[in-house]
Protein backbone atom coordinates (compact mmCIF):
# COMPACT_ATOMS: atom_id res chain seq x y z
CA MET A 1 -0.12 0.53 0.17
CA ASP A 2 1.30 3.06 -0.87
CA SER A 3 1.45 6.77 1.35
CA ARG A 4 -0.81 8.21 -0.40
CA THR A 5 -3.68 5.40 -0.43
CA ARG A 6 -2.83 4.68 3.82
CA VAL A 7 -3.69 8.28 3.96
CA ILE A 8 -6.76 7.87 2.43
CA LYS A 9 -7.87 4.76 3.48
CA THR A 10 -7.02 6.09 7.22
CA LEU A 11 -8.83 9.48 6.47
CA ARG A 12 -12.29 7.37 5.23
CA PHE A 13 -11.82 4.65 7.96
CA GLU A 14 -10.69 2.45 5.17
CA SER A 15 -8.60 0.01 7.69
CA PRO A 16 -5.32 1.00 6.01
CA ASP A 17 -2.30 -1.53 6.70
CA ARG A 18 -0.96 0.75 9.30
CA ALA A 19 -1.55 4.18 10.74
CA PRO A 20 -0.06 6.76 8.50
CA ARG A 21 3.17 8.75 9.69
CA ASP A 22 3.44 12.61 10.42
CA LEU A 23 6.66 14.16 11.45
CA TRP A 24 6.48 17.98 12.64
CA TYR A 25 9.56 19.61 14.06
CA LEU A 26 10.77 23.46 15.22
CA PRO A 27 12.88 24.93 13.01
CA GLY A 28 15.61 24.59 15.14
CA ILE A 29 15.97 21.01 14.22
CA GLU A 30 16.58 21.68 10.28
CA MET A 31 18.75 24.37 11.98
CA PHE A 32 20.83 22.63 13.95
CA ARG A 33 19.93 18.74 13.69
CA GLN A 34 19.69 18.35 10.16
CA ASP A 35 21.98 15.20 10.03
CA GLU A 36 19.85 13.92 13.08
CA LEU A 37 16.54 14.49 11.12
CA ASN A 38 17.33 12.93 8.06
CA ALA A 39 18.73 10.02 9.74
CA LEU A 40 15.38 9.77 11.47
CA LEU A 41 13.20 10.32 8.47
CA GLU A 42 15.15 7.61 6.62
CA ARG A 43 14.65 4.70 8.92
CA PHE A 44 10.93 6.10 9.64
CA PRO A 45 9.70 7.60 6.18
CA VAL A 46 6.52 9.87 6.51
CA ASP A 47 3.28 9.25 4.36
CA LEU A 48 2.47 12.91 4.27
CA ILE A 49 4.93 15.97 2.70
CA ARG A 50 4.40 19.30 2.36
CA PRO A 51 4.68 21.21 -0.99
CA PRO A 52 7.01 23.91 -0.70
CA ALA A 53 5.40 27.61 -0.43
CA PRO A 54 4.45 29.31 -3.14
CA TYR A 55 3.63 32.79 -1.59
CA ALA A 56 5.17 35.48 -3.71
CA PRO A 57 7.60 38.31 -1.63
CA ALA A 58 5.77 40.62 0.51
CA ARG A 59 6.08 44.40 0.51
CA ARG A 60 5.96 44.94 4.82
CA ALA A 61 8.34 42.02 5.54
CA SER A 62 11.64 42.03 6.68
CA GLY A 63 14.57 40.04 8.18
CA THR A 64 15.09 36.38 9.06
CA PRO A 65 12.53 34.32 10.98
CA GLY A 66 14.19 31.85 13.57
CA LEU A 67 17.09 33.55 14.10
CA VAL A 68 17.33 35.56 17.54
CA GLY A 69 16.41 39.30 17.16
CA THR A 70 13.50 40.74 15.50
CA TYR A 71 11.99 40.17 11.91
CA THR A 72 8.45 41.74 10.15
CA ASP A 73 6.30 39.09 8.85
CA GLU A 74 4.13 39.78 5.64
CA TRP A 75 1.17 41.57 7.49
CA GLY A 76 3.68 43.68 9.26
CA CYS A 77 3.78 42.65 12.47
CA LEU A 78 7.32 42.74 14.01
CA TRP A 79 8.32 39.26 16.04
CA GLU A 80 11.30 39.07 18.28
CA VAL A 81 12.75 36.01 19.11
CA GLY A 82 15.04 35.16 21.89
CA GLU A 83 16.02 31.52 21.21
CA PRO A 84 17.38 30.25 17.95
CA GLY A 85 15.69 27.86 16.06
CA VAL A 86 11.85 29.11 17.62
CA ILE A 87 9.40 31.28 15.99
CA GLY A 88 9.31 33.85 18.78
CA GLU A 89 6.67 36.52 19.51
CA VAL A 90 5.25 39.49 18.37
CA LYS A 91 6.16 42.77 20.10
CA ASN A 92 4.54 45.13 17.43
CA ALA A 93 0.64 44.93 16.66
CA PRO A 94 0.19 47.26 13.71
CA LEU A 95 -3.57 47.63 14.89
CA ALA A 96 -2.42 48.34 18.40
CA ASP A 97 -4.64 51.46 17.66
CA TRP A 98 -8.15 50.87 15.94
CA SER A 99 -7.72 54.29 13.96
CA ALA A 100 -5.20 52.22 12.24
CA LEU A 101 -7.89 49.74 10.80
CA ALA A 102 -9.18 52.14 8.32
CA GLY A 103 -6.24 51.96 5.84
CA PHE A 104 -5.16 48.52 6.86
CA ASP A 105 -4.70 45.91 3.95
CA ALA A 106 -4.07 42.47 3.89
CA PRO A 107 -1.14 41.19 2.07
CA TYR A 108 -2.59 40.19 -1.38
CA GLU A 109 0.74 41.03 -3.55
CA THR A 110 1.74 37.45 -1.79
CA LEU A 111 -0.89 35.72 -3.71
CA ASP A 112 -0.77 37.42 -6.94
CA GLY A 113 2.91 37.02 -7.19
CA GLY A 114 2.89 33.50 -6.39
CA GLY A 115 3.73 30.41 -7.90
CA PHE A 116 0.88 28.12 -7.24
CA ALA A 117 0.84 26.57 -10.68
CA ALA A 118 4.94 24.98 -10.09
CA VAL A 119 2.76 23.00 -6.78
CA ASN A 120 1.10 20.98 -8.96
CA ALA A 121 4.53 19.63 -10.67
CA PHE A 122 5.41 18.61 -7.14
CA CYS A 123 2.47 16.88 -6.49
CA ASP A 124 2.72 14.69 -9.93
CA GLY A 125 3.96 11.11 -9.77
CA GLU A 126 4.00 11.63 -5.65
CA SER A 127 3.27 8.35 -3.85
CA ARG A 128 3.15 10.48 -0.16
CA PHE A 129 0.04 12.19 0.06
CA VAL A 130 0.48 15.84 -0.32
CA LEU A 131 -0.96 18.16 2.37
CA ALA A 132 -0.52 21.90 2.39
CA ALA A 133 0.44 24.05 5.31
CA SER A 134 -1.60 27.19 4.71
CA GLY A 135 -0.83 30.58 6.62
CA ILE A 136 -4.80 30.20 7.20
CA ARG A 137 -5.10 31.01 11.42
CA PRO A 138 -7.68 34.02 11.92
CA PHE A 139 -8.09 33.80 15.50
CA GLU A 140 -4.29 34.26 15.87
CA ARG A 141 -3.67 36.35 12.75
CA MET A 142 -6.22 39.04 14.48
CA GLN A 143 -4.27 38.27 17.95
CA PHE A 144 -0.77 39.16 15.93
CA LEU A 145 -2.59 42.40 13.89
CA ARG A 146 -3.96 43.41 17.66
CA GLY A 147 -2.02 42.35 20.21
CA THR A 148 -3.86 39.12 22.47
CA GLU A 149 -4.51 41.19 25.43
CA ALA A 150 -6.15 44.11 23.47
CA LEU A 151 -8.35 41.15 21.31
CA PHE A 152 -9.59 39.46 24.57
CA MET A 153 -10.62 42.70 25.80
CA ASP A 154 -12.71 43.89 22.49
CA LEU A 155 -14.13 40.48 22.52
CA ALA A 156 -15.28 40.80 25.69
CA ASP A 157 -16.41 44.23 25.18
CA GLY A 158 -18.37 43.11 21.79
CA ALA A 159 -16.20 45.57 19.89
CA ASP A 160 -17.31 46.49 16.66
CA GLU A 161 -14.00 47.01 14.81
CA VAL A 162 -13.44 43.28 15.97
CA LEU A 163 -15.79 41.88 13.05
CA ARG A 164 -14.16 44.49 10.79
CA LEU A 165 -10.84 42.91 11.56
CA ARG A 166 -12.23 39.32 11.42
CA ASP A 167 -13.67 39.50 8.05
CA LEU A 168 -10.95 41.31 6.27
CA VAL A 169 -8.69 38.55 7.73
CA HIS A 170 -10.80 36.02 6.45
CA GLN A 171 -11.12 37.17 3.38
CA PHE A 172 -8.15 37.00 2.57
CA PHE A 173 -7.86 33.77 4.06
CA LEU A 174 -10.48 32.81 1.21
CA GLN A 175 -8.48 34.06 -1.09
CA GLU A 176 -5.87 32.08 -0.55
CA LEU A 177 -7.46 28.96 0.07
CA ALA A 178 -8.91 29.31 -3.25
CA ARG A 179 -5.06 29.61 -4.93
CA TRP A 180 -4.57 26.23 -2.68
CA CYS A 181 -7.80 24.14 -4.09
CA GLU A 182 -7.09 25.19 -7.96
CA THR A 183 -4.04 22.85 -7.35
CA ASP A 184 -3.48 18.98 -7.17
CA VAL A 185 -2.66 18.93 -3.92
CA ASP A 186 -4.51 15.99 -1.72
CA GLY A 187 -5.30 17.96 1.47
CA ILE A 188 -5.28 21.70 2.81
CA GLY A 189 -4.19 22.25 6.71
CA PHE A 190 -5.12 25.01 8.60
CA LEU A 191 -4.50 26.61 12.52
CA ASP A 192 -5.68 28.34 15.05
CA ASP A 193 -5.42 27.40 18.89
CA TRP A 194 -8.04 27.89 21.06
CA GLY A 195 -7.29 25.78 23.84
CA ALA A 196 -5.44 26.76 27.06
CA GLN A 197 -4.44 24.09 29.59
CA ARG A 198 -7.95 23.44 30.87
CA GLY A 199 -10.66 24.54 28.63
CA MET A 200 -11.35 27.24 25.48
CA LEU A 201 -9.43 30.47 25.71
CA ILE A 202 -13.21 31.92 25.02
CA SER A 203 -16.48 31.07 25.47
CA PRO A 204 -17.80 27.79 22.92
CA ALA A 205 -20.85 30.14 22.87
CA LEU A 206 -18.72 32.94 21.41
CA TRP A 207 -16.55 30.59 19.15
CA ARG A 208 -19.72 29.50 17.39
CA ALA A 209 -20.85 33.34 16.87
CA LEU A 210 -17.90 34.92 15.58
CA PHE A 211 -15.36 32.15 14.41
CA LYS A 212 -17.17 28.83 13.39
CA PRO A 213 -18.75 29.81 10.49
CA LEU A 214 -15.43 30.82 9.10
CA TYR A 215 -13.96 27.44 9.51
CA ALA A 216 -17.21 25.87 7.93
CA ASP A 217 -16.48 28.13 4.75
CA TYR A 218 -12.81 26.46 4.89
CA CYS A 219 -13.86 22.85 5.19
CA ARG A 220 -16.77 23.67 2.10
CA LEU A 221 -14.31 25.15 -0.12
CA ILE A 222 -11.67 22.33 0.36
CA HIS A 223 -14.85 19.52 -0.35
CA ASP A 224 -16.13 20.96 -2.99
CA ALA A 225 -12.43 21.05 -4.43
CA GLY A 226 -12.24 17.26 -3.90
CA LYS A 227 -9.83 17.66 -1.16
CA PHE A 228 -9.60 17.09 2.79
CA ALA A 229 -9.83 19.47 5.65
CA PHE A 230 -6.91 19.35 8.09
CA MET A 231 -7.02 21.50 11.29
CA HIS A 232 -4.81 21.78 14.16
CA SER A 233 -5.23 23.64 17.10
CA ASP A 234 -3.51 23.36 21.04
CA GLY A 235 -4.61 23.17 24.18
CA ASP A 236 -8.11 21.72 25.60
CA ILE A 237 -10.42 21.84 23.21
CA ARG A 238 -13.11 19.11 24.39
CA ALA A 239 -15.96 21.66 24.46
CA ILE A 240 -16.15 22.05 20.07
CA TYR A 241 -14.83 18.57 19.00
CA PRO A 242 -18.57 18.35 17.78
CA ASP A 243 -18.92 21.57 15.89
CA LEU A 244 -15.37 20.95 14.01
CA ILE A 245 -16.92 17.03 13.21
CA GLU A 246 -20.28 19.27 12.76
CA ILE A 247 -18.70 21.40 9.82
CA GLY A 248 -16.25 18.56 8.18
CA VAL A 249 -12.84 18.81 9.45
CA ASP A 250 -11.57 15.53 8.43
CA ALA A 251 -8.29 14.93 10.74
CA LEU A 252 -7.91 17.14 13.24
CA ASN A 253 -4.57 17.75 15.37
CA SER A 254 -4.72 18.66 18.97
CA GLN A 255 -3.29 18.20 22.08
CA LEU A 256 -4.78 15.01 23.59
CA PHE A 257 -2.80 14.75 26.78
CA CYS A 258 -4.68 18.28 27.63
CA MET A 259 -7.82 16.20 27.54
CA ASP A 260 -9.62 12.85 28.42
CA ILE A 261 -8.14 11.05 25.63
CA GLU A 262 -10.48 8.08 26.69
CA ASP A 263 -13.65 10.11 26.46
CA LEU A 264 -12.57 11.61 23.06
CA GLY A 265 -12.64 7.79 22.12
CA ARG A 266 -15.81 7.42 23.34
CA HIS A 267 -17.41 10.33 21.85
CA TYR A 268 -15.59 10.72 18.80
CA ARG A 269 -13.97 7.44 17.15
CA GLY A 270 -15.28 6.89 13.96
CA GLN A 271 -16.02 10.38 13.33
CA ILE A 272 -12.90 12.07 12.45
CA THR A 273 -9.23 11.20 12.30
CA PHE A 274 -7.45 12.05 15.19
CA TRP A 275 -4.14 13.30 13.38
CA GLY A 276 -2.07 13.04 16.80
CA GLU A 277 -0.68 13.20 18.71
CA ILE A 278 2.07 12.02 21.71
CA ASP A 279 2.10 14.51 24.40
CA ARG A 280 5.35 17.11 23.80
CA GLN A 281 4.59 18.63 27.77
CA TYR A 282 5.71 16.05 29.73
CA VAL A 283 6.60 12.58 27.97
CA LEU A 284 8.38 13.59 25.19
CA PRO A 285 11.13 16.13 26.45
CA PHE A 286 11.07 14.18 30.35
CA GLY A 287 9.71 10.81 30.24
CA THR A 288 11.59 7.40 29.67
CA ASP A 289 11.55 5.57 26.76
CA ALA A 290 8.71 3.47 28.51
CA ASP A 291 6.81 6.24 29.06
CA VAL A 292 6.80 6.97 25.79
CA ARG A 293 5.64 3.54 24.74
CA ALA A 294 3.30 3.96 27.53
CA ALA A 295 1.65 7.14 25.96
CA VAL A 296 1.77 5.50 22.42
CA GLY A 297 -0.14 2.64 24.02
CA ARG A 298 -2.87 4.57 25.50
CA VAL A 299 -3.50 6.80 22.17
CA ARG A 300 -4.09 3.61 20.21
CA SER A 301 -6.06 1.57 22.41
CA ALA A 302 -8.30 4.98 23.29
CA LEU A 303 -9.07 5.93 19.50
CA ASP A 304 -7.81 3.15 17.19
CA ASP A 305 -10.58 0.07 16.59
CA GLY A 306 -8.98 -0.91 13.85
CA ARG A 307 -10.12 0.45 10.61
CA GLY A 308 -8.50 3.79 10.80
CA GLY A 309 -9.15 8.16 12.26
CA LEU A 310 -6.05 7.96 13.10
CA PHE A 311 -2.22 9.01 12.35
CA ALA A 312 0.87 8.44 14.24
CA GLN A 313 2.15 11.30 14.72
CA CYS A 314 4.34 13.50 17.13
CA GLU A 315 6.27 16.97 17.33
CA TRP A 316 9.78 16.67 17.59
CA GLY A 317 11.15 19.90 19.82
CA LEU A 318 14.71 21.27 21.01
CA ASP A 319 14.36 19.62 24.49
CA VAL A 320 13.50 16.32 22.79
CA SER A 321 15.98 13.70 21.77
CA ARG A 322 15.94 11.67 18.81
CA ALA A 323 15.88 8.34 20.64
CA GLN A 324 12.33 9.83 22.09
CA VAL A 325 11.23 10.57 18.50
CA GLU A 326 12.24 7.29 17.13
CA ALA A 327 10.72 5.31 20.32
CA VAL A 328 7.35 7.21 18.87
CA PHE A 329 7.45 5.25 15.59
CA GLU A 330 8.71 1.86 16.93
CA ALA A 331 5.96 1.96 19.38
CA TRP A 332 3.42 2.78 16.63
CA LEU A 333 5.04 -0.51 14.99
């Protein structure tokens, strides 16, 4: 069974020969541990592959992400990186003052001058499942533009500008998604971190009113193009699992170990594909080999009914040894 078939059978609950492998890693792994990464991928080839980013240069962008110092992203947000190989934090929000919203525009030049047509050449003849990692993240982008604390206050106060900002970023992301839908990729991913360590960052009711319709739009466009919808969210998002299933998210990457994994299995196994993961807060950086294997066993016991719907996925952080990641994939076999 080739990788692409394996992934599709997993997503459709059609009993693949094994769980597909997917490895995430922080930029620092590529920057400082490339030999380790190459060795691991040679031993445990992944079943999903990401195409090269097709975006054109942005007029507001400057600097280099991942290096200690500052850089500016395509939306004009100034990031500060304090440790090499990590993403950093936004320190200067362009819309900290709402008066700047009236003249603010999204970076459409990154789409209009992009190389989306070249994605098809990448997909041609590829036996692995090609998953587009889009930049679609409306809630996080709103935080980057407005400032996290200010945005939470705006949401609590019901500020009119919040809806204008939401619609501004959503319209851009719809255009971005439309470009990806015209390519030959198999699936398209989007993200937003909605959970804290315990519970949602905002009330589920407010999430359903303001943000659920956005993700429903994304899923509809992806499915209309004959592709699969992948979503990531950190934190405890138990409250919105039924909503994500309802709108058609095919595969969900969430922090299972922030939640009751067995309860998730009882309620949602067979309704959505669990796109990993293995605990990257405690088990991977601090656990023993036995702890890692036990964590994989717990996930499989709770979520795997033999028909699919589960990926062998984990994230490799700078504080995690190669041996720990190898133990994850060994346990899956």
